[in-house]
Protein backbone atom coordinates (compact mmCIF):
# COMPACT_ATOMS: atom_id res chain seq x y z
CA UNK A 1 -0.24 7.79 -19.31
CA UNK A 2 0.00 8.19 -15.58
CA UNK A 3 2.35 10.65 -13.75
CA UNK A 4 3.09 11.13 -10.11
CA UNK A 5 4.36 14.58 -9.19
CA UNK A 6 5.96 15.10 -5.88
CA UNK A 7 6.61 18.35 -3.86
CA UNK A 8 8.22 19.17 -0.60
CA UNK A 9 11.54 17.90 0.90
CA UNK A 10 14.74 19.77 0.93
CA UNK A 11 16.90 20.63 4.00
CA UNK A 12 15.36 19.96 7.37
CA UNK A 13 16.76 20.73 10.83
CA UNK A 14 17.60 17.87 13.16
CA UNK A 15 14.47 17.10 15.20
CA UNK A 16 12.27 18.95 12.77
CA UNK A 17 9.47 17.83 10.54
CA UNK A 18 9.00 17.18 6.87
CA UNK A 19 5.99 17.34 4.66
CA UNK A 20 5.77 15.78 1.25
CA UNK A 21 2.98 15.78 -1.22
CA UNK A 22 2.30 13.71 -4.24
CA UNK A 23 -0.50 13.77 -6.83
CA UNK A 24 -1.37 11.42 -9.61
CA UNK A 25 -2.55 12.67 -13.08
CA UNK A 26 -3.55 11.02 -16.27
CA UNK A 27 -5.96 8.38 -17.23
CA UNK A 28 -7.03 6.72 -13.92
CA UNK A 29 -9.76 4.30 -13.38
CA UNK A 30 -8.89 3.49 -9.76
CA UNK A 31 -6.04 4.04 -7.22
CA UNK A 32 -5.39 0.94 -5.13
CA UNK A 33 -2.33 1.57 -3.09
CA UNK A 34 -0.77 4.89 -2.08
CA UNK A 35 2.38 5.49 -0.11
CA UNK A 36 5.99 6.48 0.25
CA UNK A 37 9.28 4.72 0.17
CA UNK A 38 12.77 6.06 0.62
CA UNK A 39 16.41 5.25 -0.42
CA UNK A 40 19.33 6.36 1.50
CA UNK A 41 22.83 6.43 -0.03
CA UNK A 42 24.24 2.93 -0.23
CA UNK A 43 21.07 1.28 0.90
CA UNK A 44 18.08 -0.42 -0.61
CA UNK A 45 14.74 1.27 -1.04
CA UNK A 46 12.60 0.81 1.98
CA UNK A 47 9.11 1.25 3.09
CA UNK A 48 8.05 4.49 4.85
CA UNK A 49 4.23 3.88 4.66
CA UNK A 50 1.71 2.43 2.33
CA UNK A 51 -2.08 2.19 2.56
CA UNK A 52 -4.92 0.42 0.73
CA UNK A 53 -8.53 0.96 1.67
CA UNK A 54 -8.33 1.08 5.52
CA UNK A 55 -5.18 -0.95 5.90
CA UNK A 56 -2.00 1.09 6.48
CA UNK A 57 1.49 -0.36 7.04
CA UNK A 58 4.43 1.67 8.31
CA UNK A 59 8.19 0.94 8.09
CA UNK A 60 9.69 0.02 11.50
CA UNK A 61 12.00 2.92 11.58
CA UNK A 62 9.21 5.56 11.12
CA UNK A 63 6.29 3.85 12.73
CA UNK A 64 5.69 6.38 15.53
CA UNK A 65 6.79 9.46 13.68
CA UNK A 66 5.08 9.29 10.20
CA UNK A 67 1.50 10.18 9.31
CA UNK A 68 -0.12 9.64 5.94
CA UNK A 69 -3.08 11.56 4.59
CA UNK A 70 -5.05 10.57 1.55
CA UNK A 71 -7.17 12.78 -0.66
CA UNK A 72 -9.01 10.46 -2.85
CA UNK A 73 -10.80 13.18 -4.81
CA UNK A 74 -7.44 14.75 -5.78
CA UNK A 75 -5.66 11.34 -6.06
CA UNK A 76 -3.17 12.73 -3.67
CA UNK A 77 -1.03 11.32 -0.74
CA UNK A 78 0.75 13.52 1.75
CA UNK A 79 3.38 12.44 4.25
CA UNK A 80 4.37 14.16 7.38
CA UNK A 81 7.12 12.92 9.59
CA UNK A 82 8.35 14.33 12.88
CA UNK A 83 11.50 14.21 14.97
CA UNK A 84 13.81 13.83 12.04
CA UNK A 85 17.16 12.22 12.50
CA UNK A 86 20.26 12.00 10.27
CA UNK A 87 19.26 8.47 9.25
CA UNK A 88 16.09 9.95 7.76
CA UNK A 89 18.26 11.66 5.04
CA UNK A 90 17.20 9.92 1.79
CA UNK A 91 15.40 10.27 -1.40
CA UNK A 92 11.73 9.85 -0.81
CA UNK A 93 9.56 8.31 -3.57
CA UNK A 94 5.79 8.44 -3.97
CA UNK A 95 4.32 5.12 -4.96
CA UNK A 96 0.86 4.26 -6.22
CA UNK A 97 -0.80 1.10 -7.72
CA UNK A 98 -3.14 2.45 -10.29
CA UNK A 99 -5.63 0.86 -12.66
CA UNK A 100 -6.05 2.65 -15.98
CA UNK A 101 -8.93 0.31 -16.67
CA UNK A 102 -10.59 -2.55 -14.88
CA UNK A 103 -7.97 -5.07 -16.04
CA UNK A 104 -4.91 -2.85 -16.38
CA UNK A 105 -3.16 -2.20 -13.10
CA UNK A 106 0.41 -1.03 -12.77
CA UNK A 107 2.86 0.14 -10.13
CA UNK A 108 3.94 3.82 -10.54
CA UNK A 109 6.76 5.82 -8.91
CA UNK A 110 7.31 9.58 -8.48
CA UNK A 111 10.64 11.12 -9.55
CA UNK A 112 11.84 11.22 -6.00
CA UNK A 113 12.54 14.20 -3.75
CA UNK A 114 15.63 14.69 -1.58
CA UNK A 115 15.40 15.15 2.17
CA UNK A 116 18.53 16.05 4.02
CA UNK A 117 18.49 16.28 7.78
CA UNK A 118 21.01 18.80 8.96
CA UNK A 119 22.20 19.62 12.43
């Protein structure tokens, strides 16, 4: 079985920065996609950033403020985001598309970590 474990988040000052980490464990043949999504109260889950190989896609609302770092050896993905605003308050979810074998690929989610931007 595969698990994604997240860390980071919590209360962040307006205009400050956040740093989130996520690592995958379990039986893993290959990790294809790695990234982060978020869901604010009353809203749909939206893309923050996702990457596969050398292709990275950012959500429109975070494009110039978010940075993703991949550690393939540790099967980890880190997110940093600057200049936080109240609308960045959300539950942030780690996401990976992982193959447990050559023919068995599934989409996995972390448990979610709350980020609250406070003034």
